[in-house]
Amino acid sequence: MTTNTSRRAFLQRASMLAMSGVAAPLAVNLAAMAEASAATASDYKAIVCVFLYGGNDYANTLVPYDAASYNAYYALRSTLAYQQSALSGTVLNTSAPPVDVNGVAHQYALAPELAPLLPIFNAGKMGVLLNVGTLVQPTSKQQYLAKSVPLPSKLFSHNDQQSEWQSSMPEGATSGWGGRMGDLFESGNGNATFTCVNVSGNAVYLSGKEAVQYQVSTKGSVPFSAFQSPMFGSASCSNALRTLITQQHSNLMQSDYARVTQRAISANDVLTSALAGAPVINTAFPANNNLGDQLKMVARMISCASTLGAKRQVFFVSMGGFDTHDGLVKVHPGLLKSVADAVAAFYQSTVELGVANQVTAFTASDFGRTLSGNNDGSDHGWGSMHFMLGGAVKGGRYYGTAPVVASNGPDDVGQGRLLPTTSIEQYAATLGSWLGVSNTDLLAMLPNLANYNASARNLGFV
């Protein structure tokens, strides 16, 4: 039971800490509160990264369907492959089938569990990016084998390749390309706090040089519990805590901690109020689907972007479980179904809100996986297939070069690991250009982009 004695003890300790200048050890980004130089915008746009942690199996996501490719796919993973008859309802028909390095046209089908995405593709609002992955520069198989060109750090390692995907830098990077986009736009937003928003925890992707990712839960901002009701049953205790953690100090670390804390308190008040007045979203999101819950929160925040003063936003959501060394046939279909149900609902919510043309979602993952199976699963790979969707996407078609499905083929560096023919930098630059990042800023934001010809930097899918 709370007593007057415990309340007095708390107030005494709070007073002593305030006078002594003692603060809990924290990793604080001292530059985090500074405003970036602005890239101004008068309209609203947002990009949403859907990250699939673990390394998504590309071959059972976008399945080779033309006869020659399917037969090669089945021969290399007979224990894992979909039956071709199961794919007939999800074939991606297009008037411009993708071609490989030999000029041979290919046909693909979505995994059956991705069927909710088929209408979006057919409506021209979803595109497919073929064989994209981490690269330092355009690289041939001969160069890779000879190690005659620089390669990404520690290929096939989860942590390193997650960092390469999200930041274009090796593990240990302190900023990601989503956050570096935020650096350019946050001072043009009415409230810089809501520029980079993470609904799944923490990711280097959304850390900027100056922009700080704002983390929310699937229910909204995470409030200080001591301020929701009187601490120890006493308003005085709550007020003392608020003063202690937000008052300014001469000590730089204490002062920065106080500013970050005040930012969190203020952001909670602003976002809670904005969400309370936001439009009701009638789109049905899937039940018992955490990725769907994350994307619904993104949709809710987008719906009140004008209230938040946001002109440009970068969001991050994620789902784990894609490290399918074992049980791929059992586990992977359920993962894909969760992704498809969540992403399709999110797209439909943007249509309902009238902002589909202003929001582009895209998938990403550590890496693809091997085409060759290990009886029950597939191993760490490199290049992979990904999707982009939204009203501005020039969909219903493929981007990039179709890989040749063959053991030890021109795109295979071993076990069906695809050597990427499109880089993360090109993927990111295309999205950044759509947001309004200048060509000069793109080169500063993406350290390897200069290694690509200017004509190849924008893939043109938006």
Protein backbone atom coordinates (compact mmCIF):
# COMPACT_ATOMS: atom_id res chain seq x y z
CA MET A 1 0.00 0.00 0.00
CA THR A 2 1.26 3.46 -0.87
CA THR A 3 2.00 5.57 2.18
CA ASN A 4 2.82 9.20 2.87
CA THR A 5 6.28 8.01 3.93
CA SER A 6 7.00 6.46 0.52
CA ARG A 7 5.82 9.62 -1.24
CA ARG A 8 8.05 11.80 0.94
CA ALA A 9 10.99 9.46 0.30
CA PHE A 10 10.48 9.72 -3.46
CA LEU A 11 10.31 13.53 -3.34
CA GLN A 12 13.46 13.67 -1.22
CA ARG A 13 15.38 11.40 -3.64
CA ALA A 14 14.13 13.40 -6.63
CA SER A 15 15.29 16.65 -5.03
CA MET A 16 18.72 15.22 -4.24
CA LEU A 17 19.20 13.94 -7.80
CA ALA A 18 18.20 17.29 -9.25
CA MET A 19 20.69 19.15 -7.07
CA SER A 20 23.56 16.73 -7.56
CA GLY A 21 23.28 16.63 -11.35
CA VAL A 22 23.32 12.81 -11.42
CA ALA A 23 21.67 11.20 -14.47
CA ALA A 24 21.24 7.56 -15.44
CA PRO A 25 23.78 6.47 -18.08
CA LEU A 26 22.12 6.76 -21.51
CA ALA A 27 23.29 6.54 -25.09
CA VAL A 28 22.18 9.97 -26.26
CA ASN A 29 22.64 11.35 -29.74
CA LEU A 30 23.73 14.88 -28.91
CA ALA A 31 22.88 16.17 -32.35
CA ALA A 32 19.45 14.58 -32.43
CA MET A 33 17.44 17.66 -31.63
CA ALA A 34 19.01 19.92 -34.25
CA GLU A 35 16.94 20.83 -37.27
CA ALA A 36 18.22 19.73 -40.67
CA SER A 37 18.44 22.05 -43.63
CA ALA A 38 15.11 21.66 -45.33
CA ALA A 39 13.97 20.16 -48.57
CA THR A 40 10.64 21.92 -48.63
CA ALA A 41 7.40 20.41 -49.89
CA SER A 42 3.89 21.75 -50.25
CA ASP A 43 2.11 18.41 -50.72
CA TYR A 44 2.16 15.21 -48.66
CA LYS A 45 4.09 12.01 -49.43
CA ALA A 46 5.18 9.01 -47.39
CA ILE A 47 7.18 5.86 -47.96
CA VAL A 48 6.68 2.73 -45.85
CA CYS A 49 9.40 0.09 -45.53
CA VAL A 50 8.07 -3.42 -44.82
CA PHE A 51 11.14 -5.33 -43.63
CA LEU A 52 11.06 -9.13 -43.53
CA TYR A 53 13.69 -10.16 -41.00
CA GLY A 54 15.57 -13.41 -41.51
CA GLY A 55 16.05 -13.42 -45.28
CA ASN A 56 12.93 -14.13 -47.32
CA ASP A 57 13.02 -17.14 -49.65
CA TYR A 58 12.71 -15.47 -53.06
CA ALA A 59 12.00 -18.57 -55.17
CA ASN A 60 8.89 -19.54 -53.21
CA THR A 61 7.69 -15.93 -53.17
CA LEU A 62 7.94 -15.07 -56.84
CA VAL A 63 7.93 -18.49 -58.50
CA PRO A 64 9.35 -19.12 -61.99
CA TYR A 65 6.40 -20.18 -64.14
CA ASP A 66 7.45 -20.43 -67.77
CA ALA A 67 8.14 -24.05 -68.66
CA ALA A 68 11.94 -23.97 -68.84
CA SER A 69 12.38 -21.90 -65.67
CA TYR A 70 9.81 -23.86 -63.69
CA ASN A 71 11.43 -27.16 -64.61
CA ALA A 72 14.83 -25.86 -63.48
CA TYR A 73 13.29 -24.49 -60.26
CA TYR A 74 11.61 -27.81 -59.52
CA ALA A 75 14.74 -29.82 -60.25
CA LEU A 76 16.81 -27.72 -57.83
CA ARG A 77 14.32 -27.86 -54.95
CA SER A 78 11.89 -30.69 -55.57
CA THR A 79 11.13 -31.11 -51.86
CA LEU A 80 10.32 -27.40 -51.47
CA ALA A 81 8.77 -26.40 -54.78
CA TYR A 82 5.15 -25.47 -55.41
CA GLN A 83 3.34 -27.67 -57.88
CA GLN A 84 2.86 -25.70 -61.06
CA SER A 85 -0.87 -26.42 -61.04
CA ALA A 86 -1.14 -24.61 -57.68
CA LEU A 87 0.22 -21.45 -59.30
CA SER A 88 -2.22 -21.10 -62.19
CA GLY A 89 -4.41 -18.63 -60.28
CA THR A 90 -1.60 -16.25 -59.36
CA VAL A 91 0.32 -15.92 -62.61
CA LEU A 92 1.49 -12.34 -63.20
CA ASN A 93 0.50 -11.69 -66.79
CA THR A 94 2.01 -8.64 -68.41
CA SER A 95 2.44 -7.32 -71.92
CA ALA A 96 6.14 -6.78 -71.20
CA PRO A 97 7.57 -10.00 -69.73
CA PRO A 98 11.00 -9.54 -68.17
CA VAL A 99 14.06 -10.85 -70.00
CA ASP A 100 17.32 -12.28 -68.71
CA VAL A 101 20.88 -11.44 -69.78
CA ASN A 102 20.41 -13.69 -72.80
CA GLY A 103 17.31 -11.83 -73.91
CA VAL A 104 15.03 -14.74 -73.02
CA ALA A 105 11.59 -13.76 -71.69
CA HIS A 106 10.34 -15.20 -68.40
CA GLN A 107 7.03 -15.59 -66.62
CA TYR A 108 6.39 -15.63 -62.87
CA ALA A 109 3.60 -16.42 -60.47
CA LEU A 110 3.05 -15.21 -56.95
CA ALA A 111 3.04 -17.84 -54.25
CA PRO A 112 -0.64 -18.81 -53.80
CA GLU A 113 -0.62 -17.24 -50.32
CA LEU A 114 0.13 -13.87 -51.91
CA ALA A 115 -3.14 -13.95 -53.88
CA PRO A 116 -4.50 -10.81 -52.08
CA LEU A 117 -1.79 -8.82 -53.89
CA LEU A 118 -2.75 -10.03 -57.36
CA PRO A 119 -5.63 -7.53 -57.86
CA ILE A 120 -3.28 -4.69 -56.92
CA PHE A 121 -0.73 -5.83 -59.51
CA ASN A 122 -3.44 -6.28 -62.13
CA ALA A 123 -4.75 -2.77 -61.38
CA GLY A 124 -1.31 -1.38 -62.16
CA LYS A 125 -0.59 -0.32 -58.58
CA MET A 126 2.06 -2.92 -57.67
CA GLY A 127 5.39 -3.55 -59.37
CA VAL A 128 7.94 -6.34 -58.98
CA LEU A 129 11.65 -5.64 -58.59
CA LEU A 130 13.80 -8.53 -59.78
CA ASN A 131 17.10 -9.65 -58.30
CA VAL A 132 17.86 -6.68 -56.07
CA GLY A 133 20.46 -6.81 -53.32
CA THR A 134 23.46 -5.24 -51.66
CA LEU A 135 26.23 -4.10 -54.00
CA VAL A 136 29.03 -1.58 -53.86
CA GLN A 137 29.10 -1.20 -57.63
CA PRO A 138 27.82 -3.10 -60.67
CA THR A 139 29.46 -6.53 -60.37
CA SER A 140 29.80 -9.44 -62.78
CA LYS A 141 30.12 -13.06 -61.75
CA GLN A 142 33.69 -13.07 -63.00
CA GLN A 143 34.53 -10.05 -60.86
CA TYR A 144 32.86 -11.63 -57.84
CA LEU A 145 34.80 -14.88 -58.21
CA ALA A 146 38.06 -13.04 -58.75
CA LYS A 147 37.33 -10.63 -55.90
CA SER A 148 38.48 -7.89 -58.23
CA VAL A 149 35.88 -5.33 -57.11
CA PRO A 150 34.76 -4.19 -53.65
CA LEU A 151 31.90 -6.27 -52.23
CA PRO A 152 29.42 -5.65 -49.41
CA SER A 153 30.66 -6.46 -45.93
CA LYS A 154 30.22 -10.07 -44.76
CA LEU A 155 27.84 -11.38 -47.37
CA PHE A 156 25.26 -13.92 -46.14
CA SER A 157 25.46 -12.68 -42.52
CA HIS A 158 22.13 -11.56 -41.05
CA ASN A 159 23.31 -8.58 -39.00
CA ASP A 160 25.69 -7.29 -41.61
CA GLN A 161 23.29 -7.59 -44.51
CA GLN A 162 20.42 -6.06 -42.54
CA SER A 163 22.71 -3.09 -41.96
CA GLU A 164 23.77 -2.98 -45.62
CA TRP A 165 20.11 -3.05 -46.71
CA GLN A 166 18.99 -0.40 -44.25
CA SER A 167 21.99 1.93 -44.29
CA SER A 168 24.18 1.05 -47.30
CA MET A 169 26.94 0.60 -44.73
CA PRO A 170 28.41 -2.31 -42.71
CA GLU A 171 27.09 -3.27 -39.30
CA GLY A 172 27.73 -0.54 -36.76
CA ALA A 173 26.36 2.21 -38.99
CA THR A 174 24.72 4.99 -37.01
CA SER A 175 22.36 6.18 -39.71
CA GLY A 176 20.16 4.60 -42.37
CA TRP A 177 18.99 5.90 -45.72
CA GLY A 178 15.44 6.35 -44.45
CA GLY A 179 16.71 8.51 -41.61
CA ARG A 180 18.99 10.43 -43.93
CA MET A 181 15.94 11.23 -46.04
CA GLY A 182 14.33 12.42 -42.84
CA ASP A 183 17.27 14.75 -42.26
CA LEU A 184 16.36 16.57 -45.45
CA PHE A 185 12.66 16.92 -44.72
CA GLU A 186 12.20 17.24 -40.96
CA SER A 187 12.59 21.00 -40.75
CA GLY A 188 9.95 21.36 -43.47
CA ASN A 189 7.49 19.45 -41.33
CA GLY A 190 5.38 21.29 -38.77
CA ASN A 191 6.60 18.89 -36.11
CA ALA A 192 9.96 17.31 -36.87
CA THR A 193 9.30 14.51 -34.37
CA PHE A 194 6.88 12.76 -36.72
CA THR A 195 9.19 12.65 -39.76
CA CYS A 196 10.67 9.18 -39.14
CA VAL A 197 8.25 6.79 -37.42
CA ASN A 198 9.02 3.22 -36.37
CA VAL A 199 6.13 0.96 -35.35
CA SER A 200 8.24 -2.14 -34.76
CA GLY A 201 10.90 -1.11 -32.27
CA ASN A 202 14.25 0.23 -33.44
CA ALA A 203 16.07 0.04 -36.77
CA VAL A 204 19.12 1.79 -38.17
CA TYR A 205 17.08 2.43 -41.33
CA LEU A 206 15.25 5.34 -39.63
CA SER A 207 18.20 6.86 -37.78
CA GLY A 208 19.41 10.07 -39.39
CA LYS A 209 22.41 12.24 -38.84
CA GLU A 210 20.00 14.62 -37.11
CA ALA A 211 16.55 13.06 -37.47
CA VAL A 212 15.54 10.82 -34.59
CA GLN A 213 13.18 7.92 -35.20
CA TYR A 214 9.98 8.25 -33.21
CA GLN A 215 8.87 4.87 -31.88
CA VAL A 216 5.20 4.10 -31.40
CA SER A 217 3.28 0.95 -30.57
CA THR A 218 0.45 -0.53 -32.59
CA LYS A 219 -1.89 1.38 -30.24
CA GLY A 220 -0.15 4.72 -30.54
CA SER A 221 2.49 6.60 -28.60
CA VAL A 222 3.85 5.08 -25.42
CA PRO A 223 3.07 7.47 -22.53
CA PHE A 224 4.93 7.93 -19.25
CA SER A 225 2.79 5.87 -16.88
CA ALA A 226 3.62 8.20 -13.99
CA PHE A 227 1.85 11.02 -15.82
CA GLN A 228 -1.29 9.07 -16.65
CA SER A 229 -2.36 8.89 -13.01
CA PRO A 230 -0.88 10.35 -9.82
CA MET A 231 2.34 8.59 -8.90
CA PHE A 232 2.06 6.90 -5.49
CA GLY A 233 -1.40 8.42 -5.47
CA SER A 234 0.11 11.89 -5.31
CA ALA A 235 0.04 14.61 -7.98
CA SER A 236 3.03 16.17 -6.22
CA CYS A 237 5.12 13.07 -6.97
CA SER A 238 4.15 13.15 -10.63
CA ASN A 239 4.94 16.87 -10.88
CA ALA A 240 8.28 16.36 -9.15
CA LEU A 241 9.22 13.61 -11.59
CA ARG A 242 8.20 15.76 -14.57
CA THR A 243 10.35 18.63 -13.27
CA LEU A 244 13.30 16.34 -12.58
CA ILE A 245 13.43 14.77 -16.02
CA THR A 246 12.63 17.84 -18.12
CA GLN A 247 14.34 20.77 -16.39
CA GLN A 248 17.33 22.33 -18.12
CA HIS A 249 20.86 21.86 -16.77
CA SER A 250 24.25 23.32 -17.44
CA ASN A 251 25.59 19.79 -17.94
CA LEU A 252 25.37 18.96 -21.65
CA MET A 253 24.32 15.33 -21.16
CA GLN A 254 21.64 16.23 -18.62
CA SER A 255 20.35 19.04 -20.78
CA ASP A 256 20.10 16.83 -23.87
CA TYR A 257 18.38 14.11 -21.87
CA ALA A 258 15.86 16.65 -20.63
CA ARG A 259 15.14 17.86 -24.16
CA VAL A 260 14.64 14.34 -25.48
CA THR A 261 12.35 13.53 -22.57
CA GLN A 262 10.31 16.69 -23.05
CA ARG A 263 10.07 15.85 -26.75
CA ALA A 264 8.61 12.43 -25.89
CA ILE A 265 6.10 13.90 -23.46
CA SER A 266 5.00 16.58 -25.92
CA ALA A 267 4.82 14.13 -28.83
CA ASN A 268 2.61 11.81 -26.81
CA ASP A 269 0.18 14.64 -26.14
CA VAL A 270 0.14 15.79 -29.77
CA LEU A 271 -0.21 12.32 -31.30
CA THR A 272 -2.82 11.13 -28.82
CA SER A 273 -4.95 14.18 -29.58
CA ALA A 274 -4.46 13.84 -33.35
CA LEU A 275 -5.40 10.16 -33.38
CA ALA A 276 -8.48 10.85 -31.29
CA GLY A 277 -9.72 13.22 -34.00
CA ALA A 278 -8.55 11.13 -36.96
CA PRO A 279 -10.99 9.69 -39.51
CA VAL A 280 -12.35 6.22 -38.79
CA ILE A 281 -10.72 3.63 -41.06
CA ASN A 282 -13.32 1.12 -42.20
CA THR A 283 -10.92 -1.12 -44.11
CA ALA A 284 -10.78 -4.50 -42.39
CA PHE A 285 -7.23 -5.32 -41.31
CA PRO A 286 -6.47 -9.00 -40.61
CA ALA A 287 -7.02 -10.23 -37.06
CA ASN A 288 -4.15 -11.71 -35.06
CA ASN A 289 -1.65 -10.23 -37.48
CA ASN A 290 1.00 -8.03 -35.90
CA LEU A 291 2.24 -6.70 -39.22
CA GLY A 292 -1.34 -5.72 -40.00
CA ASP A 293 -1.58 -3.97 -36.64
CA GLN A 294 1.62 -2.05 -37.39
CA LEU A 295 0.40 -1.00 -40.82
CA LYS A 296 -2.97 0.05 -39.42
CA MET A 297 -1.15 2.41 -37.06
CA VAL A 298 0.78 3.79 -40.04
CA ALA A 299 -2.52 4.35 -41.84
CA ARG A 300 -3.97 6.08 -38.78
CA MET A 301 -0.96 8.40 -38.53
CA ILE A 302 -1.14 9.18 -42.25
CA SER A 303 -4.82 10.00 -41.85
CA CYS A 304 -3.95 12.79 -39.40
CA ALA A 305 -0.74 13.94 -41.10
CA SER A 306 -2.12 17.44 -41.65
CA THR A 307 -2.91 17.75 -37.94
CA LEU A 308 0.63 16.65 -37.15
CA GLY A 309 2.00 19.16 -39.64
CA ALA A 310 3.72 16.44 -41.67
CA LYS A 311 4.56 16.94 -45.33
CA ARG A 312 7.07 14.10 -45.73
CA GLN A 313 7.17 10.94 -43.61
CA VAL A 314 9.21 7.75 -43.61
CA PHE A 315 7.75 4.73 -41.81
CA PHE A 316 9.20 1.36 -40.82
CA VAL A 317 7.31 -1.82 -39.99
CA SER A 318 8.65 -5.34 -39.82
CA MET A 319 7.98 -9.02 -39.38
CA GLY A 320 10.37 -11.81 -38.38
CA GLY A 321 10.55 -15.55 -38.91
CA PHE A 322 11.98 -15.66 -42.45
CA ASP A 323 15.21 -17.51 -41.57
CA THR A 324 13.84 -20.75 -43.02
CA HIS A 325 16.75 -23.19 -42.86
CA ASP A 326 14.19 -25.72 -41.70
CA GLY A 327 10.50 -26.27 -42.23
CA LEU A 328 10.23 -23.94 -45.22
CA VAL A 329 7.22 -25.72 -46.69
CA LYS A 330 5.47 -25.66 -43.34
CA VAL A 331 6.38 -22.17 -42.16
CA HIS A 332 6.89 -19.95 -45.21
CA PRO A 333 3.36 -20.06 -46.66
CA GLY A 334 1.91 -18.78 -43.39
CA LEU A 335 4.44 -15.95 -43.28
CA LEU A 336 3.55 -14.92 -46.82
CA LYS A 337 -0.16 -15.01 -46.06
CA SER A 338 0.37 -12.68 -43.10
CA VAL A 339 2.36 -10.28 -45.29
CA ALA A 340 -0.17 -10.33 -48.13
CA ASP A 341 -3.20 -9.83 -45.89
CA ALA A 342 -1.53 -6.97 -44.03
CA VAL A 343 -0.09 -5.17 -47.06
CA ALA A 344 -3.27 -5.52 -49.14
CA ALA A 345 -5.33 -4.09 -46.29
CA PHE A 346 -2.89 -1.21 -45.91
CA TYR A 347 -3.09 -0.35 -49.60
CA GLN A 348 -6.89 -0.46 -49.45
CA SER A 349 -6.86 1.84 -46.40
CA THR A 350 -4.87 4.43 -48.36
CA VAL A 351 -7.47 4.20 -51.13
CA GLU A 352 -10.22 4.70 -48.54
CA LEU A 353 -8.42 7.71 -47.10
CA GLY A 354 -7.87 9.21 -50.54
CA VAL A 355 -4.07 9.20 -50.21
CA ALA A 356 -3.10 6.16 -52.28
CA ASN A 357 -1.22 8.33 -54.79
CA GLN A 358 0.79 9.87 -51.96
CA VAL A 359 1.93 6.70 -50.18
CA THR A 360 4.37 4.11 -51.51
CA ALA A 361 5.07 0.90 -49.60
CA PHE A 362 7.92 -1.46 -50.44
CA THR A 363 9.34 -4.71 -49.13
CA ALA A 364 12.92 -5.47 -48.09
CA SER A 365 14.76 -8.30 -46.34
CA ASP A 366 18.27 -9.30 -45.18
CA PHE A 367 18.87 -11.21 -48.42
CA GLY A 368 17.28 -13.86 -50.60
CA ARG A 369 17.93 -17.54 -50.02
CA THR A 370 19.51 -20.34 -52.00
CA LEU A 371 17.57 -21.88 -54.85
CA SER A 372 19.09 -25.25 -54.02
CA GLY A 373 17.29 -26.79 -51.07
CA ASN A 374 18.73 -28.56 -48.06
CA ASN A 375 15.82 -31.05 -47.98
CA ASP A 376 13.79 -29.06 -45.45
CA GLY A 377 14.72 -25.45 -46.12
CA SER A 378 17.06 -23.07 -47.90
CA ASP A 379 20.21 -21.30 -46.82
CA HIS A 380 21.40 -17.69 -46.80
CA GLY A 381 21.52 -16.11 -50.22
CA TRP A 382 22.03 -12.69 -51.78
CA GLY A 383 19.76 -11.18 -54.45
CA SER A 384 16.00 -11.35 -54.02
CA MET A 385 12.64 -10.24 -55.41
CA HIS A 386 10.65 -7.40 -53.86
CA PHE A 387 7.40 -5.53 -54.32
CA MET A 388 6.47 -1.85 -54.49
CA LEU A 389 2.85 -0.74 -54.26
CA GLY A 390 0.84 2.45 -54.10
CA GLY A 391 -1.18 4.73 -56.30
CA ALA A 392 1.94 6.36 -57.74
CA VAL A 393 3.62 3.05 -58.60
CA LYS A 394 3.84 2.25 -62.30
CA GLY A 395 2.69 -1.26 -61.62
CA GLY A 396 1.52 -4.30 -63.48
CA ARG A 397 5.09 -4.86 -64.64
CA TYR A 398 8.58 -5.92 -63.65
CA TYR A 399 11.71 -3.86 -63.06
CA GLY A 400 15.26 -5.13 -63.31
CA THR A 401 16.68 -8.17 -65.07
CA ALA A 402 15.20 -11.65 -64.77
CA PRO A 403 17.75 -14.10 -63.33
CA VAL A 404 18.56 -17.24 -65.25
CA VAL A 405 17.24 -20.22 -63.29
CA ALA A 406 20.13 -22.64 -63.54
CA SER A 407 22.69 -24.30 -61.32
CA ASN A 408 25.98 -22.46 -61.84
CA GLY A 409 24.22 -20.16 -64.29
CA PRO A 410 25.33 -16.61 -65.10
CA ASP A 411 23.52 -15.19 -62.03
CA ASP A 412 24.41 -18.00 -59.61
CA VAL A 413 27.43 -17.60 -57.32
CA GLY A 414 26.77 -20.93 -55.62
CA GLN A 415 23.76 -23.01 -54.53
CA GLY A 416 21.40 -20.72 -56.39
CA ARG A 417 22.56 -17.57 -54.59
CA LEU A 418 21.68 -14.77 -56.98
CA LEU A 419 24.30 -12.17 -57.80
CA PRO A 420 22.17 -8.99 -57.71
CA THR A 421 21.72 -7.10 -60.95
CA THR A 422 19.99 -4.18 -59.22
CA SER A 423 21.37 -2.49 -56.10
CA ILE A 424 19.79 -1.18 -52.93
CA GLU A 425 21.12 2.25 -53.89
CA GLN A 426 19.03 2.24 -57.06
CA TYR A 427 15.97 1.07 -55.11
CA ALA A 428 16.46 3.78 -52.48
CA ALA A 429 17.30 6.51 -54.98
CA THR A 430 14.09 5.87 -56.91
CA LEU A 431 12.02 6.21 -53.73
CA GLY A 432 14.00 9.24 -52.58
CA SER A 433 13.60 10.98 -55.92
CA TRP A 434 9.83 10.46 -55.72
CA LEU A 435 9.80 12.03 -52.25
CA GLY A 436 11.60 15.05 -53.64
CA VAL A 437 15.26 14.43 -52.77
CA SER A 438 17.52 16.21 -55.26
CA ASN A 439 20.07 14.32 -57.33
CA THR A 440 22.86 16.02 -55.40
CA ASP A 441 21.38 15.00 -52.04
CA LEU A 442 20.81 11.45 -53.27
CA LEU A 443 24.52 11.12 -53.95
CA ALA A 444 25.31 12.38 -50.45
CA MET A 445 22.64 10.14 -48.88
CA LEU A 446 23.64 6.93 -50.67
CA PRO A 447 27.41 6.42 -50.57
CA ASN A 448 27.58 3.89 -53.44
CA LEU A 449 25.15 5.58 -55.83
CA ALA A 450 27.95 7.45 -57.62
CA ASN A 451 29.24 4.08 -58.83
CA TYR A 452 26.21 3.81 -61.12
CA ASN A 453 25.63 5.72 -64.35
CA ALA A 454 23.27 8.64 -63.89
CA SER A 455 20.77 7.05 -66.27
CA ALA A 456 20.64 3.88 -64.15
CA ARG A 457 20.11 5.49 -60.74
CA ASN A 458 16.35 5.89 -61.04
CA LEU A 459 14.52 2.62 -61.80
CA GLY A 460 11.37 4.48 -62.81
CA PHE A 461 8.79 2.47 -60.86
CA VAL A 462 7.23 5.62 -59.39
